[in-house]
């Protein structure tokens, strides 16, 4: 059973209720939950790539943790960041590696 996302309502429910509902019910409740086309693991790789390319590091940190929970190994995250460094920029890769080290630590 997939864990129901409540981050939108938890963080923005009173302030921006429509956005919170779209986050929890549509983005995570429908798009992320539709695993017949893309697995959660694949969606995590895609999402981390998009966030790194845009330099959205606070969101990238959260999604790297989700990626780890979805089975993305340290070696795969390192390969993703290395590959993207040539397409999205060297400084972004340095920043992303800092997050990856924090999340994956000394894992093999």
PDB file of N, CA and C in Angstrom:
ATOM      1  N   UNK A   1       0.841  -1.187   0.000  1.00  0.00           N
ATOM      2  CA  UNK A   1       0.000   0.000   0.000  1.00  0.00           C
ATOM      3  C   UNK A   1       0.884   1.248   0.000  1.00  0.00           C
ATOM      4  N   UNK A   2       0.587   2.192  -0.873  1.00  0.00           N
ATOM      5  CA  UNK A   2       1.337   3.425  -0.993  1.00  0.00           C
ATOM      6  C   UNK A   2       0.931   4.369   0.140  1.00  0.00           C
ATOM      7  N   UNK A   3       1.925   4.974   0.766  1.00  0.00           N
ATOM      8  CA  UNK A   3       1.679   5.927   1.844  1.00  0.00           C
ATOM      9  C   UNK A   3       1.037   7.185   1.267  1.00  0.00           C
ATOM     10  N   UNK A   4      -0.067   7.622   1.877  1.00  0.00           N
ATOM     11  CA  UNK A   4      -0.763   8.824   1.401  1.00  0.00           C
ATOM     12  C   UNK A   4       0.067  10.063   1.726  1.00  0.00           C
ATOM     13  N   UNK A   5       0.270  10.886   0.722  1.00  0.00           N
ATOM     14  CA  UNK A   5       1.034  12.126   0.873  1.00  0.00           C
ATOM     15  C   UNK A   5       0.168  13.174   1.560  1.00  0.00           C
ATOM     16  N   UNK A   6       0.716  13.791   2.586  1.00  0.00           N
ATOM     17  CA  UNK A   6      -0.002  14.848   3.300  1.00  0.00           C
ATOM     18  C   UNK A   6       0.848  16.102   3.469  1.00  0.00           C
ATOM     19  N   UNK A   7       2.013  16.151   2.828  1.00  0.00           N
ATOM     20  CA  UNK A   7       2.927  17.291   3.003  1.00  0.00           C
ATOM     21  C   UNK A   7       2.282  18.606   2.595  1.00  0.00           C
ATOM     22  N   UNK A   8       1.495  18.604   1.546  1.00  0.00           N
ATOM     23  CA  UNK A   8       0.839  19.828   1.112  1.00  0.00           C
ATOM     24  C   UNK A   8      -0.086  20.369   2.180  1.00  0.00           C
ATOM     25  N   UNK A   9      -0.968  19.507   2.658  1.00  0.00           N
ATOM     26  CA  UNK A   9      -1.906  19.940   3.700  1.00  0.00           C
ATOM     27  C   UNK A   9      -1.183  20.253   5.009  1.00  0.00           C
ATOM     28  N   UNK A  10      -0.168  19.459   5.336  1.00  0.00           N
ATOM     29  CA  UNK A  10       0.575  19.688   6.577  1.00  0.00           C
ATOM     30  C   UNK A  10       1.264  21.053   6.575  1.00  0.00           C
ATOM     31  N   UNK A  11       1.818  21.445   5.432  1.00  0.00           N
ATOM     32  CA  UNK A  11       2.600  22.680   5.355  1.00  0.00           C
ATOM     33  C   UNK A  11       1.827  23.895   4.863  1.00  0.00           C
ATOM     34  N   UNK A  12       0.858  23.671   3.984  1.00  0.00           N
ATOM     35  CA  UNK A  12       0.174  24.807   3.358  1.00  0.00           C
ATOM     36  C   UNK A  12      -1.351  24.734   3.427  1.00  0.00           C
ATOM     37  N   UNK A  13      -1.873  23.750   4.129  1.00  0.00           N
ATOM     38  CA  UNK A  13      -3.315  23.527   4.137  1.00  0.00           C
ATOM     39  C   UNK A  13      -4.146  24.742   4.493  1.00  0.00           C
ATOM     40  N   UNK A  14      -3.757  25.475   5.513  1.00  0.00           N
ATOM     41  CA  UNK A  14      -4.505  26.658   5.921  1.00  0.00           C
ATOM     42  C   UNK A  14      -4.175  27.870   5.050  1.00  0.00           C
ATOM     43  N   UNK A  15      -2.945  27.945   4.568  1.00  0.00           N
ATOM     44  CA  UNK A  15      -2.475  29.110   3.826  1.00  0.00           C
ATOM     45  C   UNK A  15      -2.866  29.051   2.348  1.00  0.00           C
ATOM     46  N   UNK A  16      -2.689  27.891   1.729  1.00  0.00           N
ATOM     47  CA  UNK A  16      -2.985  27.715   0.300  1.00  0.00           C
ATOM     48  C   UNK A  16      -3.665  26.360   0.099  1.00  0.00           C
ATOM     49  N   UNK A  17      -4.919  26.240   0.514  1.00  0.00           N
ATOM     50  CA  UNK A  17      -5.585  24.945   0.509  1.00  0.00           C
ATOM     51  C   UNK A  17      -5.739  24.299  -0.871  1.00  0.00           C
ATOM     52  N   UNK A  18      -5.970  25.075  -1.915  1.00  0.00           N
ATOM     53  CA  UNK A  18      -6.112  24.479  -3.246  1.00  0.00           C
ATOM     54  C   UNK A  18      -4.781  23.888  -3.707  1.00  0.00           C
ATOM     55  N   UNK A  19      -3.693  24.640  -3.529  1.00  0.00           N
ATOM     56  CA  UNK A  19      -2.370  24.129  -3.898  1.00  0.00           C
ATOM     57  C   UNK A  19      -2.051  22.876  -3.093  1.00  0.00           C
ATOM     58  N   UNK A  20      -2.350  22.893  -1.794  1.00  0.00           N
ATOM     59  CA  UNK A  20      -2.086  21.739  -0.932  1.00  0.00           C
ATOM     60  C   UNK A  20      -2.842  20.515  -1.426  1.00  0.00           C
ATOM     61  N   UNK A  21      -4.094  20.697  -1.786  1.00  0.00           N
ATOM     62  CA  UNK A  21      -4.894  19.582  -2.292  1.00  0.00           C
ATOM     63  C   UNK A  21      -4.353  19.064  -3.622  1.00  0.00           C
ATOM     64  N   UNK A  22      -3.960  19.971  -4.515  1.00  0.00           N
ATOM     65  CA  UNK A  22      -3.387  19.546  -5.800  1.00  0.00           C
ATOM     66  C   UNK A  22      -2.097  18.756  -5.578  1.00  0.00           C
ATOM     67  N   UNK A  23      -1.256  19.225  -4.648  1.00  0.00           N
ATOM     68  CA  UNK A  23      -0.008  18.535  -4.331  1.00  0.00           C
ATOM     69  C   UNK A  23      -0.286  17.115  -3.835  1.00  0.00           C
ATOM     70  N   UNK A  24      -1.146  17.004  -2.840  1.00  0.00           N
ATOM     71  CA  UNK A  24      -1.376  15.715  -2.193  1.00  0.00           C
ATOM     72  C   UNK A  24      -2.237  14.778  -3.031  1.00  0.00           C
ATOM     73  N   UNK A  25      -3.305  15.305  -3.625  1.00  0.00           N
ATOM     74  CA  UNK A  25      -4.278  14.452  -4.299  1.00  0.00           C
ATOM     75  C   UNK A  25      -3.970  14.192  -5.768  1.00  0.00           C
ATOM     76  N   UNK A  26      -3.459  15.213  -6.463  1.00  0.00           N
ATOM     77  CA  UNK A  26      -3.198  15.046  -7.899  1.00  0.00           C
ATOM     78  C   UNK A  26      -1.750  14.626  -8.138  1.00  0.00           C
ATOM     79  N   UNK A  27      -0.791  15.481  -7.748  1.00  0.00           N
ATOM     80  CA  UNK A  27       0.611  15.163  -8.036  1.00  0.00           C
ATOM     81  C   UNK A  27       1.020  13.831  -7.410  1.00  0.00           C
ATOM     82  N   UNK A  28       0.837  13.708  -6.102  1.00  0.00           N
ATOM     83  CA  UNK A  28       1.256  12.466  -5.446  1.00  0.00           C
ATOM     84  C   UNK A  28       0.176  11.396  -5.440  1.00  0.00           C
ATOM     85  N   UNK A  29      -1.088  11.785  -5.328  1.00  0.00           N
ATOM     86  CA  UNK A  29      -2.168  10.811  -5.262  1.00  0.00           C
ATOM     87  C   UNK A  29      -2.513  10.164  -6.590  1.00  0.00           C
ATOM     88  N   UNK A  30      -2.305  10.882  -7.700  1.00  0.00           N
ATOM     89  CA  UNK A  30      -2.636  10.331  -9.012  1.00  0.00           C
ATOM     90  C   UNK A  30      -1.402  10.118  -9.884  1.00  0.00           C
ATOM     91  N   UNK A  31      -0.577  11.138 -10.058  1.00  0.00           N
ATOM     92  CA  UNK A  31       0.565  11.032 -10.976  1.00  0.00           C
ATOM     93  C   UNK A  31       1.617  10.068 -10.419  1.00  0.00           C
ATOM     94  N   UNK A  32       2.097  10.314  -9.212  1.00  0.00           N
ATOM     95  CA  UNK A  32       3.118   9.437  -8.626  1.00  0.00           C
ATOM     96  C   UNK A  32       2.590   8.033  -8.373  1.00  0.00           C
ATOM     97  N   UNK A  33       1.315   7.892  -8.087  1.00  0.00           N
ATOM     98  CA  UNK A  33       0.747   6.581  -7.763  1.00  0.00           C
ATOM     99  C   UNK A  33       0.515   5.707  -8.996  1.00  0.00           C
ATOM    100  N   UNK A  34       0.582   6.272 -10.182  1.00  0.00           N
ATOM    101  CA  UNK A  34       0.314   5.521 -11.420  1.00  0.00           C
ATOM    102  C   UNK A  34       1.580   4.776 -11.857  1.00  0.00           C
ATOM    103  N   UNK A  35       1.761   3.592 -11.319  1.00  0.00           N
ATOM    104  CA  UNK A  35       2.992   2.845 -11.549  1.00  0.00           C
ATOM    105  C   UNK A  35       2.932   1.870 -12.715  1.00  0.00           C
ATOM    106  N   UNK A  36       1.825   1.831 -13.463  1.00  0.00           N
ATOM    107  CA  UNK A  36       1.763   0.919 -14.597  1.00  0.00           C
ATOM    108  C   UNK A  36       2.578   1.426 -15.788  1.00  0.00           C
ATOM    109  N   UNK A  37       2.927   2.714 -15.792  1.00  0.00           N
ATOM    110  CA  UNK A  37       3.739   3.271 -16.876  1.00  0.00           C
ATOM    111  C   UNK A  37       5.164   3.571 -16.421  1.00  0.00           C
ATOM    112  N   UNK A  38       5.309   4.135 -15.237  1.00  0.00           N
ATOM    113  CA  UNK A  38       6.623   4.421 -14.651  1.00  0.00           C
ATOM    114  C   UNK A  38       6.586   4.016 -13.189  1.00  0.00           C
ATOM    115  N   UNK A  39       7.611   3.310 -12.755  1.00  0.00           N
ATOM    116  CA  UNK A  39       7.686   2.928 -11.344  1.00  0.00           C
ATOM    117  C   UNK A  39       8.015   4.155 -10.497  1.00  0.00           C
ATOM    118  N   UNK A  40       7.796   4.049  -9.206  1.00  0.00           N
ATOM    119  CA  UNK A  40       8.163   5.127  -8.293  1.00  0.00           C
ATOM    120  C   UNK A  40       9.666   5.387  -8.368  1.00  0.00           C
ATOM    121  N   UNK A  41      10.451   4.337  -8.541  1.00  0.00           N
ATOM    122  CA  UNK A  41      11.907   4.461  -8.676  1.00  0.00           C
ATOM    123  C   UNK A  41      12.266   5.295  -9.905  1.00  0.00           C
ATOM    124  N   UNK A  42      11.637   4.984 -11.037  1.00  0.00           N
ATOM    125  CA  UNK A  42      11.888   5.745 -12.265  1.00  0.00           C
ATOM    126  C   UNK A  42      11.442   7.196 -12.123  1.00  0.00           C
ATOM    127  N   UNK A  43      10.292   7.411 -11.496  1.00  0.00           N
ATOM    128  CA  UNK A  43       9.817   8.774 -11.279  1.00  0.00           C
ATOM    129  C   UNK A  43      10.791   9.552 -10.392  1.00  0.00           C
ATOM    130  N   UNK A  44      11.376   8.862  -9.410  1.00  0.00           N
ATOM    131  CA  UNK A  44      12.359   9.516  -8.549  1.00  0.00           C
ATOM    132  C   UNK A  44      13.589   9.941  -9.338  1.00  0.00           C
ATOM    133  N   UNK A  45      14.087   9.087 -10.219  1.00  0.00           N
ATOM    134  CA  UNK A  45      15.245   9.434 -11.043  1.00  0.00           C
ATOM    135  C   UNK A  45      14.932  10.636 -11.941  1.00  0.00           C
ATOM    136  N   UNK A  46      13.758  10.626 -12.531  1.00  0.00           N
ATOM    137  CA  UNK A  46      13.352  11.729 -13.408  1.00  0.00           C
ATOM    138  C   UNK A  46      13.208  13.017 -12.611  1.00  0.00           C
ATOM    139  N   UNK A  47      12.566  12.932 -11.466  1.00  0.00           N
ATOM    140  CA  UNK A  47      12.331  14.124 -10.643  1.00  0.00           C
ATOM    141  C   UNK A  47      13.638  14.704 -10.140  1.00  0.00           C
ATOM    142  N   UNK A  48      14.541  13.844  -9.662  1.00  0.00           N
ATOM    143  CA  UNK A  48      15.843  14.339  -9.200  1.00  0.00           C
ATOM    144  C   UNK A  48      16.604  15.002 -10.341  1.00  0.00           C
ATOM    145  N   UNK A  49      16.517  14.445 -11.525  1.00  0.00           N
ATOM    146  CA  UNK A  49      17.181  15.044 -12.690  1.00  0.00           C
ATOM    147  C   UNK A  49      16.623  16.429 -12.985  1.00  0.00           C
ATOM    148  N   UNK A  50      15.304  16.539 -13.004  1.00  0.00           N
ATOM    149  CA  UNK A  50      14.678  17.832 -13.308  1.00  0.00           C
ATOM    150  C   UNK A  50      15.013  18.883 -12.250  1.00  0.00           C
ATOM    151  N   UNK A  51      14.968  18.492 -10.986  1.00  0.00           N
ATOM    152  CA  UNK A  51      15.254  19.448  -9.917  1.00  0.00           C
ATOM    153  C   UNK A  51      16.704  19.892  -9.925  1.00  0.00           C
ATOM    154  N   UNK A  52      17.622  18.948 -10.181  1.00  0.00           N
ATOM    155  CA  UNK A  52      19.035  19.322 -10.250  1.00  0.00           C
ATOM    156  C   UNK A  52      19.276  20.272 -11.429  1.00  0.00           C
ATOM    157  N   UNK A  53      18.694  19.954 -12.569  1.00  0.00           N
ATOM    158  CA  UNK A  53      18.889  20.781 -13.759  1.00  0.00           C
ATOM    159  C   UNK A  53      18.412  22.214 -13.542  1.00  0.00           C
ATOM    160  N   UNK A  54      17.383  22.376 -12.712  1.00  0.00           N
ATOM    161  CA  UNK A  54      16.856  23.708 -12.431  1.00  0.00           C
ATOM    162  C   UNK A  54      17.530  24.372 -11.236  1.00  0.00           C
ATOM    163  N   UNK A  55      18.362  23.627 -10.528  1.00  0.00           N
ATOM    164  CA  UNK A  55      19.028  24.178  -9.351  1.00  0.00           C
ATOM    165  C   UNK A  55      18.099  24.350  -8.162  1.00  0.00           C
ATOM    166  N   UNK A  56      17.092  23.521  -8.065  1.00  0.00           N
ATOM    167  CA  UNK A  56      16.114  23.606  -6.978  1.00  0.00           C
ATOM    168  C   UNK A  56      16.524  22.667  -5.840  1.00  0.00           C
ATOM    169  N   UNK A  57      17.550  23.058  -5.138  1.00  0.00           N
ATOM    170  CA  UNK A  57      18.197  22.160  -4.181  1.00  0.00           C
ATOM    171  C   UNK A  57      17.397  21.831  -2.930  1.00  0.00           C
ATOM    172  N   UNK A  58      16.583  22.731  -2.362  1.00  0.00           N
ATOM    173  CA  UNK A  58      15.768  22.293  -1.221  1.00  0.00           C
ATOM    174  C   UNK A  58      14.802  21.154  -1.599  1.00  0.00           C
ATOM    175  N   UNK A  59      14.176  21.270  -2.780  1.00  0.00           N
ATOM    176  CA  UNK A  59      13.295  20.208  -3.245  1.00  0.00           C
ATOM    177  C   UNK A  59      14.089  18.975  -3.641  1.00  0.00           C
ATOM    178  N   UNK A  60      15.270  19.172  -4.221  1.00  0.00           N
ATOM    179  CA  UNK A  60      16.109  18.041  -4.612  1.00  0.00           C
ATOM    180  C   UNK A  60      16.477  17.208  -3.393  1.00  0.00           C
ATOM    181  N   UNK A  61      16.803  17.858  -2.305  1.00  0.00           N
ATOM    182  CA  UNK A  61      17.163  17.121  -1.092  1.00  0.00           C
ATOM    183  C   UNK A  61      16.014  16.208  -0.661  1.00  0.00           C
ATOM    184  N   UNK A  62      14.810  16.733  -0.635  1.00  0.00           N
ATOM    185  CA  UNK A  62      13.651  15.929  -0.253  1.00  0.00           C
ATOM    186  C   UNK A  62      13.437  14.768  -1.224  1.00  0.00           C
ATOM    187  N   UNK A  63      13.589  15.059  -2.515  1.00  0.00           N
ATOM    188  CA  UNK A  63      13.351  14.011  -3.513  1.00  0.00           C
ATOM    189  C   UNK A  63      14.488  13.001  -3.573  1.00  0.00           C
ATOM    190  N   UNK A  64      15.694  13.381  -3.187  1.00  0.00           N
ATOM    191  CA  UNK A  64      16.764  12.383  -3.082  1.00  0.00           C
ATOM    192  C   UNK A  64      16.447  11.395  -1.964  1.00  0.00           C
ATOM    193  N   UNK A  65      15.887  11.882  -0.879  1.00  0.00           N
ATOM    194  CA  UNK A  65      15.491  10.990   0.217  1.00  0.00           C
ATOM    195  C   UNK A  65      14.389  10.047  -0.251  1.00  0.00           C
ATOM    196  N   UNK A  66      13.419  10.581  -0.992  1.00  0.00           N
ATOM    197  CA  UNK A  66      12.359   9.742  -1.549  1.00  0.00           C
ATOM    198  C   UNK A  66      12.954   8.729  -2.519  1.00  0.00           C
ATOM    199  N   UNK A  67      13.924   9.167  -3.337  1.00  0.00           N
ATOM    200  CA  UNK A  67      14.579   8.259  -4.290  1.00  0.00           C
ATOM    201  C   UNK A  67      15.249   7.108  -3.559  1.00  0.00           C
ATOM    202  N   UNK A  68      15.929   7.419  -2.487  1.00  0.00           N
ATOM    203  CA  UNK A  68      16.580   6.375  -1.684  1.00  0.00           C
ATOM    204  C   UNK A  68      15.534   5.389  -1.169  1.00  0.00           C
ATOM    205  N   UNK A  69      14.420   5.910  -0.664  1.00  0.00           N
ATOM    206  CA  UNK A  69      13.334   5.054  -0.179  1.00  0.00           C
ATOM    207  C   UNK A  69      12.719   4.231  -1.306  1.00  0.00           C
ATOM    208  N   UNK A  70      12.768   4.766  -2.541  1.00  0.00           N
ATOM    209  CA  UNK A  70      12.224   4.065  -3.705  1.00  0.00           C
ATOM    210  C   UNK A  70      13.237   3.128  -4.356  1.00  0.00           C
ATOM    211  N   UNK A  71      14.384   2.933  -3.722  1.00  0.00           N
ATOM    212  CA  UNK A  71      15.340   1.940  -4.200  1.00  0.00           C
ATOM    213  C   UNK A  71      16.473   2.455  -5.061  1.00  0.00           C
ATOM    214  N   UNK A  72      16.626   3.757  -5.213  1.00  0.00           N
ATOM    215  CA  UNK A  72      17.751   4.301  -5.978  1.00  0.00           C
ATOM    216  C   UNK A  72      18.990   4.207  -5.096  1.00  0.00           C
ATOM    217  N   UNK A  73      19.964   3.477  -5.591  1.00  0.00           N
ATOM    218  CA  UNK A  73      21.204   3.252  -4.843  1.00  0.00           C
ATOM    219  C   UNK A  73      22.152   4.446  -4.977  1.00  0.00           C
ATOM    220  N   UNK A  74      23.092   4.522  -4.045  1.00  0.00           N
ATOM    221  CA  UNK A  74      24.101   5.586  -4.053  1.00  0.00           C
ATOM    222  C   UNK A  74      24.818   5.647  -5.397  1.00  0.00           C
ATOM    223  N   UNK A  75      25.265   4.500  -5.907  1.00  0.00           N
ATOM    224  CA  UNK A  75      26.006   4.476  -7.175  1.00  0.00           C
ATOM    225  C   UNK A  75      25.163   5.040  -8.320  1.00  0.00           C
ATOM    226  N   UNK A  76      23.875   4.786  -8.290  1.00  0.00           N
ATOM    227  CA  UNK A  76      22.996   5.299  -9.340  1.00  0.00           C
ATOM    228  C   UNK A  76      22.823   6.815  -9.215  1.00  0.00           C
ATOM    229  N   UNK A  77      22.700   7.312  -7.977  1.00  0.00           N
ATOM    230  CA  UNK A  77      22.563   8.758  -7.786  1.00  0.00           C
ATOM    231  C   UNK A  77      23.848   9.465  -8.197  1.00  0.00           C
ATOM    232  N   UNK A  78      24.991   8.876  -7.865  1.00  0.00           N
ATOM    233  CA  UNK A  78      26.280   9.454  -8.274  1.00  0.00           C
ATOM    234  C   UNK A  78      26.377   9.494  -9.796  1.00  0.00           C
ATOM    235  N   UNK A  79      25.958   8.426 -10.456  1.00  0.00           N
ATOM    236  CA  UNK A  79      25.995   8.387 -11.925  1.00  0.00           C
ATOM    237  C   UNK A  79      25.044   9.423 -12.522  1.00  0.00           C
ATOM    238  N   UNK A  80      23.868   9.581 -11.934  1.00  0.00           N
ATOM    239  CA  UNK A  80      22.906  10.570 -12.404  1.00  0.00           C
ATOM    240  C   UNK A  80      23.501  11.975 -12.321  1.00  0.00           C
ATOM    241  N   UNK A  81      24.076  12.309 -11.172  1.00  0.00           N
ATOM    242  CA  UNK A  81      24.653  13.646 -10.982  1.00  0.00           C
ATOM    243  C   UNK A  81      25.828  13.869 -11.932  1.00  0.00           C
ATOM    244  N   UNK A  82      26.688  12.875 -12.071  1.00  0.00           N
ATOM    245  CA  UNK A  82      27.838  13.001 -12.967  1.00  0.00           C
ATOM    246  C   UNK A  82      27.376  13.226 -14.402  1.00  0.00           C
ATOM    247  N   UNK A  83      26.414  12.459 -14.842  1.00  0.00           N
ATOM    248  CA  UNK A  83      25.891  12.598 -16.199  1.00  0.00           C
ATOM    249  C   UNK A  83      25.301  13.995 -16.410  1.00  0.00           C
ATOM    250  N   UNK A  84      24.479  14.435 -15.458  1.00  0.00           N
ATOM    251  CA  UNK A  84      23.825  15.730 -15.592  1.00  0.00           C
ATOM    252  C   UNK A  84      24.785  16.909 -15.470  1.00  0.00           C
ATOM    253  N   UNK A  85      25.938  16.699 -14.879  1.00  0.00           N
ATOM    254  CA  UNK A  85      26.887  17.806 -14.723  1.00  0.00           C
ATOM    255  C   UNK A  85      27.252  18.419 -16.071  1.00  0.00           C
ATOM    256  N   UNK A  86      27.265  17.606 -17.116  1.00  0.00           N
ATOM    257  CA  UNK A  86      27.621  18.089 -18.448  1.00  0.00           C
ATOM    258  C   UNK A  86      26.452  18.789 -19.149  1.00  0.00           C
ATOM    259  N   UNK A  87      25.241  18.554 -18.674  1.00  0.00           N
ATOM    260  CA  UNK A  87      24.059  19.137 -19.303  1.00  0.00           C
ATOM    261  C   UNK A  87      23.474  20.291 -18.505  1.00  0.00           C
ATOM    262  N   UNK A  88      23.641  20.248 -17.172  1.00  0.00           N
ATOM    263  CA  UNK A  88      23.006  21.290 -16.354  1.00  0.00           C
ATOM    264  C   UNK A  88      23.996  22.191 -15.639  1.00  0.00           C
ATOM    265  N   UNK A  89      25.272  21.817 -15.649  1.00  0.00           N
ATOM    266  CA  UNK A  89      26.283  22.691 -15.076  1.00  0.00           C
ATOM    267  C   UNK A  89      27.083  22.065 -13.947  1.00  0.00           C
ATOM    268  N   UNK A  90      28.358  22.369 -13.959  1.00  0.00           N
ATOM    269  CA  UNK A  90      29.301  21.846 -12.974  1.00  0.00           C
ATOM    270  C   UNK A  90      28.968  22.298 -11.553  1.00  0.00           C
ATOM    271  N   UNK A  91      28.672  23.592 -11.335  1.00  0.00           N
ATOM    272  CA  UNK A  91      28.329  24.031  -9.976  1.00  0.00           C
ATOM    273  C   UNK A  91      27.085  23.327  -9.417  1.00  0.00           C
ATOM    274  N   UNK A  92      26.111  23.066 -10.267  1.00  0.00           N
ATOM    275  CA  UNK A  92      24.917  22.350  -9.804  1.00  0.00           C
ATOM    276  C   UNK A  92      25.278  20.934  -9.378  1.00  0.00           C
ATOM    277  N   UNK A  93      26.201  20.317 -10.103  1.00  0.00           N
ATOM    278  CA  UNK A  93      26.635  18.971  -9.724  1.00  0.00           C
ATOM    279  C   UNK A  93      27.323  18.994  -8.356  1.00  0.00           C
ATOM    280  N   UNK A  94      28.175  19.977  -8.124  1.00  0.00           N
ATOM    281  CA  UNK A  94      28.830  20.094  -6.814  1.00  0.00           C
ATOM    282  C   UNK A  94      27.793  20.220  -5.708  1.00  0.00           C
ATOM    283  N   UNK A  95      26.792  21.055  -5.920  1.00  0.00           N
ATOM    284  CA  UNK A  95      25.740  21.223  -4.921  1.00  0.00           C
ATOM    285  C   UNK A  95      24.952  19.932  -4.721  1.00  0.00           C
ATOM    286  N   UNK A  96      24.627  19.261  -5.814  1.00  0.00           N
ATOM    287  CA  UNK A  96      23.876  18.009  -5.731  1.00  0.00           C
ATOM    288  C   UNK A  96      24.687  16.921  -5.029  1.00  0.00           C
ATOM    289  N   UNK A  97      26.002  16.877  -5.286  1.00  0.00           N
ATOM    290  CA  UNK A  97      26.836  15.885  -4.601  1.00  0.00           C
ATOM    291  C   UNK A  97      26.855  16.127  -3.091  1.00  0.00           C
ATOM    292  N   UNK A  98      26.837  17.390  -2.684  1.00  0.00           N
ATOM    293  CA  UNK A  98      26.771  17.683  -1.250  1.00  0.00           C
ATOM    294  C   UNK A  98      25.516  17.094  -0.617  1.00  0.00           C
ATOM    295  N   UNK A  99      24.398  17.213  -1.311  1.00  0.00           N
ATOM    296  CA  UNK A  99      23.146  16.641  -0.817  1.00  0.00           C
ATOM    297  C   UNK A  99      23.202  15.115  -0.817  1.00  0.00           C
ATOM    298  N   UNK A 100      23.736  14.552  -1.893  1.00  0.00           N
ATOM    299  CA  UNK A 100      23.819  13.093  -1.994  1.00  0.00           C
ATOM    300  C   UNK A 100      24.690  12.514  -0.886  1.00  0.00           C
ATOM    301  N   UNK A 101      25.798  13.179  -0.581  1.00  0.00           N
ATOM    302  CA  UNK A 101      26.655  12.706   0.511  1.00  0.00           C
ATOM    303  C   UNK A 101      25.911  12.728   1.837  1.00  0.00           C
ATOM    304  N   UNK A 102      25.119  13.764   2.029  1.00  0.00           N
ATOM    305  CA  UNK A 102      24.337  13.903   3.252  1.00  0.00           C
ATOM    306  C   UNK A 102      23.289  12.773   3.366  1.00  0.00           C
ATOM    307  N   UNK A 103      22.655  12.457   2.258  1.00  0.00           N
ATOM    308  CA  UNK A 103      21.575  11.478   2.277  1.00  0.00           C
ATOM    309  C   UNK A 103      22.071  10.034   2.212  1.00  0.00           C
ATOM    310  N   UNK A 104      23.078   9.799   1.385  1.00  0.00           N
ATOM    311  CA  UNK A 104      23.559   8.428   1.204  1.00  0.00           C
ATOM    312  C   UNK A 104      24.741   8.087   2.108  1.00  0.00           C
ATOM    313  N   UNK A 105      25.420   9.098   2.620  1.00  0.00           N
ATOM    314  CA  UNK A 105      26.533   8.851   3.523  1.00  0.00           C
ATOM    315  C   UNK A 105      27.594   7.949   2.922  1.00  0.00           C
ATOM    316  N   UNK A 106      28.017   6.979   3.693  1.00  0.00           N
ATOM    317  CA  UNK A 106      29.089   6.085   3.277  1.00  0.00           C
ATOM    318  C   UNK A 106      28.576   4.785   2.647  1.00  0.00           C
ATOM    319  N   UNK A 107      27.324   4.753   2.230  1.00  0.00           N
ATOM    320  CA  UNK A 107      26.775   3.546   1.598  1.00  0.00           C
ATOM    321  C   UNK A 107      27.587   3.155   0.388  1.00  0.00           C
ATOM    322  N   UNK A 108      27.560   1.880   0.096  1.00  0.00           N
ATOM    323  CA  UNK A 108      28.240   1.373  -1.108  1.00  0.00           C
ATOM    324  C   UNK A 108      27.335   1.363  -2.255  1.00  0.00           C
TER     325      UNK A 108
END
